[in-house]
Amino acid sequence: MAKKDGGDIGPALAGLVAGIAAQYAMRKALNFTWARVTGEEPPTDVDSPDISLGRALSWAVMAGVSTEVARVLAVRATRAKLLGAGPEELDV
């Protein structure tokens, strides 16, 4: 997270907190959206044989991709804001 040359730990910690918050918010939004679209609660145990393979894979892909995208965007925006660098200047 922090630069190896003794960079400031503050932006790294702020990025971590922003990433966790973004993942939490995205997961809540996904749970709500899944319930509204399908009329069922999202699967909690995708390994269960009671859940169809298609439903389990759909949830896993949707949840995995969207929460990771939200985390990456939140971390990059936070670090750019704190470091005063644009996205093209942040070679992480």
Protein backbone atom coordinates (compact mmCIF):
# COMPACT_ATOMS: atom_id res chain seq x y z
CA MET A 1 0.00 0.00 0.00
CA ALA A 2 2.55 2.58 1.10
CA LYS A 3 5.47 3.42 -1.13
CA LYS A 4 8.54 1.33 -0.45
CA ASP A 5 10.70 4.44 -0.28
CA GLY A 6 9.13 5.54 3.01
CA GLY A 7 5.98 7.16 1.61
CA ASP A 8 3.18 8.41 3.81
CA ILE A 9 0.93 5.73 5.30
CA GLY A 10 -2.06 8.10 5.52
CA PRO A 11 -3.23 7.77 1.90
CA ALA A 12 -2.84 4.00 2.10
CA LEU A 13 -4.99 3.78 5.23
CA ALA A 14 -7.57 6.17 3.81
CA GLY A 15 -7.68 4.06 0.65
CA LEU A 16 -8.19 0.92 2.72
CA VAL A 17 -11.07 2.46 4.65
CA ALA A 18 -12.63 3.83 1.45
CA GLY A 19 -12.32 0.42 -0.20
CA ILE A 20 -13.99 -1.38 2.69
CA ALA A 21 -16.80 1.20 2.79
CA ALA A 22 -17.32 0.95 -0.98
CA GLN A 23 -17.48 -2.86 -0.83
CA TYR A 24 -19.99 -2.73 2.02
CA ALA A 25 -22.20 -0.19 0.24
CA MET A 26 -22.05 -2.09 -3.04
CA ARG A 27 -22.93 -5.37 -1.36
CA LYS A 28 -25.98 -3.75 0.29
CA ALA A 29 -27.05 -2.29 -3.06
CA LEU A 30 -26.59 -5.67 -4.77
CA ASN A 31 -28.62 -7.49 -2.13
CA PHE A 32 -31.44 -4.97 -2.53
CA THR A 33 -31.32 -5.07 -6.34
CA TRP A 34 -31.21 -8.87 -6.47
CA ALA A 35 -34.23 -9.12 -4.17
CA ARG A 36 -36.20 -6.58 -6.24
CA VAL A 37 -35.36 -8.14 -9.61
CA THR A 38 -35.69 -11.83 -8.73
CA GLY A 39 -38.21 -11.58 -5.92
CA GLU A 40 -35.95 -13.79 -3.77
CA GLU A 41 -33.18 -13.14 -1.32
CA PRO A 42 -29.66 -13.47 -2.76
CA PRO A 43 -27.97 -16.81 -2.14
CA THR A 44 -25.91 -16.86 1.04
CA ASP A 45 -24.33 -20.29 0.54
CA VAL A 46 -23.52 -20.68 -3.16
CA ASP A 47 -22.01 -24.12 -2.45
CA SER A 48 -25.37 -25.49 -1.34
CA PRO A 49 -26.91 -28.11 -3.66
CA ASP A 50 -30.30 -26.45 -3.04
CA ILE A 51 -29.23 -23.47 -5.16
CA SER A 52 -29.09 -23.96 -8.92
CA LEU A 53 -25.72 -23.65 -10.61
CA GLY A 54 -26.91 -20.80 -12.80
CA ARG A 55 -28.20 -18.81 -9.84
CA ALA A 56 -25.03 -19.43 -7.83
CA LEU A 57 -22.76 -18.43 -10.71
CA SER A 58 -24.85 -15.37 -11.53
CA TRP A 59 -24.61 -14.14 -7.96
CA ALA A 60 -20.90 -14.94 -7.64
CA VAL A 61 -19.95 -13.12 -10.84
CA MET A 62 -22.19 -10.13 -10.20
CA ALA A 63 -21.11 -9.75 -6.57
CA GLY A 64 -17.43 -10.36 -7.23
CA VAL A 65 -17.02 -8.03 -10.17
CA SER A 66 -19.15 -5.17 -8.88
CA THR A 67 -17.69 -5.10 -5.36
CA GLU A 68 -14.14 -5.23 -6.69
CA VAL A 69 -14.82 -2.45 -9.21
CA ALA A 70 -16.34 -0.31 -6.44
CA ARG A 71 -13.31 -0.97 -4.23
CA VAL A 72 -10.77 -0.11 -6.93
CA LEU A 73 -12.56 3.10 -7.88
CA ALA A 74 -12.91 4.20 -4.25
CA VAL A 75 -9.27 3.50 -3.43
CA ARG A 76 -7.98 5.26 -6.53
CA ALA A 77 -10.22 8.30 -6.01
CA THR A 78 -9.23 8.58 -2.35
CA ARG A 79 -5.53 8.26 -3.03
CA ALA A 80 -5.71 10.73 -5.93
CA LYS A 81 -7.56 13.22 -3.74
CA LEU A 82 -5.10 12.90 -0.87
CA LEU A 83 -1.96 12.85 -2.99
CA GLY A 84 -3.16 15.51 -5.41
CA ALA A 85 -2.39 13.30 -8.40
CA GLY A 86 -4.66 12.39 -11.26
CA PRO A 87 -5.32 8.77 -12.17
CA GLU A 88 -2.69 8.86 -14.93
CA GLU A 89 -0.04 9.88 -12.41
CA LEU A 90 -0.78 7.04 -9.96
CA ASP A 91 1.26 4.07 -11.12
CA VAL A 92 0.43 1.61 -8.39
